[in-house]
PDB file of N, CA and C in Angstrom:
ATOM      1  N   MET A   1      72.152 171.536 107.473  1.00  0.00           N
ATOM      2  CA  MET A   1      73.262 172.191 108.179  1.00  0.00           C
ATOM      3  C   MET A   1      72.758 173.438 108.915  1.00  0.00           C
ATOM      4  N   LEU A   2      73.187 173.602 110.139  1.00  0.00           N
ATOM      5  CA  LEU A   2      72.786 174.771 110.920  1.00  0.00           C
ATOM      6  C   LEU A   2      73.313 176.046 110.287  1.00  0.00           C
ATOM      7  N   LEU A   3      74.523 175.996 109.725  1.00  0.00           N
ATOM      8  CA  LEU A   3      75.107 177.187 109.098  1.00  0.00           C
ATOM      9  C   LEU A   3      74.205 177.678 107.975  1.00  0.00           C
ATOM     10  N   ASN A   4      73.658 176.732 107.191  1.00  0.00           N
ATOM     11  CA  ASN A   4      72.781 177.123 106.081  1.00  0.00           C
ATOM     12  C   ASN A   4      71.544 177.840 106.617  1.00  0.00           C
ATOM     13  N   ARG A   5      71.022 177.355 107.724  1.00  0.00           N
ATOM     14  CA  ARG A   5      69.823 177.986 108.300  1.00  0.00           C
ATOM     15  C   ARG A   5      70.142 179.404 108.740  1.00  0.00           C
ATOM     16  N   VAL A   6      71.302 179.593 109.345  1.00  0.00           N
ATOM     17  CA  VAL A   6      71.701 180.935 109.800  1.00  0.00           C
ATOM     18  C   VAL A   6      71.797 181.859 108.601  1.00  0.00           C
ATOM     19  N   ARG A   7      72.364 181.363 107.498  1.00  0.00           N
ATOM     20  CA  ARG A   7      72.482 182.170 106.284  1.00  0.00           C
ATOM     21  C   ARG A   7      71.098 182.542 105.771  1.00  0.00           C
ATOM     22  N   CYS A   8      70.180 181.596 105.818  1.00  0.00           N
ATOM     23  CA  CYS A   8      68.815 181.859 105.349  1.00  0.00           C
ATOM     24  C   CYS A   8      68.178 182.964 106.192  1.00  0.00           C
ATOM     25  N   GLU A   9      68.390 182.892 107.493  1.00  0.00           N
ATOM     26  CA  GLU A   9      67.816 183.914 108.379  1.00  0.00           C
ATOM     27  C   GLU A   9      68.399 185.272 108.046  1.00  0.00           C
ATOM     28  N   ALA A  10      69.692 185.311 107.764  1.00  0.00           N
ATOM     29  CA  ALA A  10      70.345 186.575 107.411  1.00  0.00           C
ATOM     30  C   ALA A  10      69.757 187.117 106.111  1.00  0.00           C
ATOM     31  N   MET A  11      69.521 186.219 105.155  1.00  0.00           N
ATOM     32  CA  MET A  11      68.951 186.640 103.873  1.00  0.00           C
ATOM     33  C   MET A  11      67.565 187.231 104.096  1.00  0.00           C
ATOM     34  N   GLU A  12      66.797 186.632 105.008  1.00  0.00           N
ATOM     35  CA  GLU A  12      65.447 187.144 105.275  1.00  0.00           C
ATOM     36  C   GLU A  12      65.528 188.572 105.793  1.00  0.00           C
ATOM     37  N   LYS A  13      66.517 188.850 106.623  1.00  0.00           N
ATOM     38  CA  LYS A  13      66.655 190.198 107.184  1.00  0.00           C
ATOM     39  C   LYS A  13      67.107 191.170 106.103  1.00  0.00           C
ATOM     40  N   ILE A  14      68.047 190.718 105.243  1.00  0.00           N
ATOM     41  CA  ILE A  14      68.572 191.590 104.185  1.00  0.00           C
ATOM     42  C   ILE A  14      67.572 191.711 103.036  1.00  0.00           C
ATOM     43  N   ARG A  15      67.027 190.574 102.618  1.00  0.00           N
ATOM     44  CA  ARG A  15      66.072 190.576 101.501  1.00  0.00           C
ATOM     45  C   ARG A  15      64.780 189.905 101.942  1.00  0.00           C
ATOM     46  N   VAL A  16      63.834 190.711 102.378  1.00  0.00           N
ATOM     47  CA  VAL A  16      62.581 190.173 102.917  1.00  0.00           C
ATOM     48  C   VAL A  16      61.734 189.516 101.828  1.00  0.00           C
ATOM     49  N   TYR A  17      61.887 189.982 100.569  1.00  0.00           N
ATOM     50  CA  TYR A  17      61.026 189.458  99.508  1.00  0.00           C
ATOM     51  C   TYR A  17      61.355 188.008  99.171  1.00  0.00           C
ATOM     52  N   PHE A  18      62.440 187.465  99.774  1.00  0.00           N
ATOM     53  CA  PHE A  18      62.751 186.049  99.537  1.00  0.00           C
ATOM     54  C   PHE A  18      62.055 185.201 100.598  1.00  0.00           C
ATOM     55  N   ASP A  19      61.376 184.165 100.180  1.00  0.00           N
ATOM     56  CA  ASP A  19      60.708 183.284 101.141  1.00  0.00           C
ATOM     57  C   ASP A  19      61.689 182.246 101.665  1.00  0.00           C
ATOM     58  N   ARG A  20      61.398 181.676 102.815  1.00  0.00           N
ATOM     59  CA  ARG A  20      62.290 180.663 103.402  1.00  0.00           C
ATOM     60  C   ARG A  20      62.498 179.508 102.436  1.00  0.00           C
ATOM     61  N   ASN A  21      61.457 179.112 101.727  1.00  0.00           N
ATOM     62  CA  ASN A  21      61.578 178.005 100.773  1.00  0.00           C
ATOM     63  C   ASN A  21      62.527 178.365  99.642  1.00  0.00           C
ATOM     64  N   LEU A  22      62.459 179.622  99.195  1.00  0.00           N
ATOM     65  CA  LEU A  22      63.319 180.058  98.095  1.00  0.00           C
ATOM     66  C   LEU A  22      64.766 180.177  98.551  1.00  0.00           C
ATOM     67  N   CYS A  23      64.967 180.312  99.858  1.00  0.00           N
ATOM     68  CA  CYS A  23      66.320 180.472 100.387  1.00  0.00           C
ATOM     69  C   CYS A  23      67.206 179.314  99.935  1.00  0.00           C
ATOM     70  N   ARG A  24      66.648 178.115  99.839  1.00  0.00           N
ATOM     71  CA  ARG A  24      67.431 176.949  99.416  1.00  0.00           C
ATOM     72  C   ARG A  24      67.884 177.088  97.974  1.00  0.00           C
ATOM     73  N   PHE A  25      67.080 177.776  97.177  1.00  0.00           N
ATOM     74  CA  PHE A  25      67.380 177.888  95.749  1.00  0.00           C
ATOM     75  C   PHE A  25      68.288 179.078  95.421  1.00  0.00           C
ATOM     76  N   LEU A  26      68.650 179.864  96.450  1.00  0.00           N
ATOM     77  CA  LEU A  26      69.524 181.013  96.193  1.00  0.00           C
ATOM     78  C   LEU A  26      70.877 180.541  95.674  1.00  0.00           C
ATOM     79  N   PRO A  27      71.483 181.285  94.769  1.00  0.00           N
ATOM     80  CA  PRO A  27      72.784 180.921  94.211  1.00  0.00           C
ATOM     81  C   PRO A  27      73.871 180.994  95.277  1.00  0.00           C
ATOM     82  N   PRO A  28      74.976 180.256  95.114  1.00  0.00           N
ATOM     83  CA  PRO A  28      76.074 180.238  96.088  1.00  0.00           C
ATOM     84  C   PRO A  28      76.672 181.626  96.293  1.00  0.00           C
ATOM     85  N   LYS A  29      76.564 182.492  95.286  1.00  0.00           N
ATOM     86  CA  LYS A  29      77.121 183.845  95.393  1.00  0.00           C
ATOM     87  C   LYS A  29      76.492 184.577  96.572  1.00  0.00           C
ATOM     88  N   GLU A  30      75.183 184.355  96.788  1.00  0.00           N
ATOM     89  CA  GLU A  30      74.491 185.024  97.895  1.00  0.00           C
ATOM     90  C   GLU A  30      75.088 184.572  99.235  1.00  0.00           C
ATOM     91  N   SER A  31      75.373 183.270  99.362  1.00  0.00           N
ATOM     92  CA  SER A  31      75.935 182.742 100.606  1.00  0.00           C
ATOM     93  C   SER A  31      77.315 183.332 100.844  1.00  0.00           C
ATOM     94  N   ILE A  32      78.107 183.402  99.784  1.00  0.00           N
ATOM     95  CA  ILE A  32      79.463 183.950  99.897  1.00  0.00           C
ATOM     96  C   ILE A  32      79.385 185.420 100.306  1.00  0.00           C
ATOM     97  N   PHE A  33      78.410 186.134  99.750  1.00  0.00           N
ATOM     98  CA  PHE A  33      78.252 187.557 100.070  1.00  0.00           C
ATOM     99  C   PHE A  33      78.024 187.739 101.571  1.00  0.00           C
ATOM    100  N   LEU A  34      77.237 186.836 102.164  1.00  0.00           N
ATOM    101  CA  LEU A  34      76.957 186.926 103.596  1.00  0.00           C
ATOM    102  C   LEU A  34      78.217 186.639 104.400  1.00  0.00           C
ATOM    103  N   ASP A  35      79.056 185.701 103.919  1.00  0.00           N
ATOM    104  CA  ASP A  35      80.296 185.372 104.620  1.00  0.00           C
ATOM    105  C   ASP A  35      81.214 186.589 104.669  1.00  0.00           C
ATOM    106  N   LEU A  36      81.182 187.418 103.606  1.00  0.00           N
ATOM    107  CA  LEU A  36      82.035 188.603 103.561  1.00  0.00           C
ATOM    108  C   LEU A  36      81.588 189.580 104.641  1.00  0.00           C
TER     109      LEU A  36
END
């Protein structure tokens, strides 16, 4: 999903220590936090 990729990119900007591969394993709470 393109939306998931956008969220991953946002996570990289907010939390650089997370790798793109780990972005998939992030808990749903992180995704919801970005939506807020």
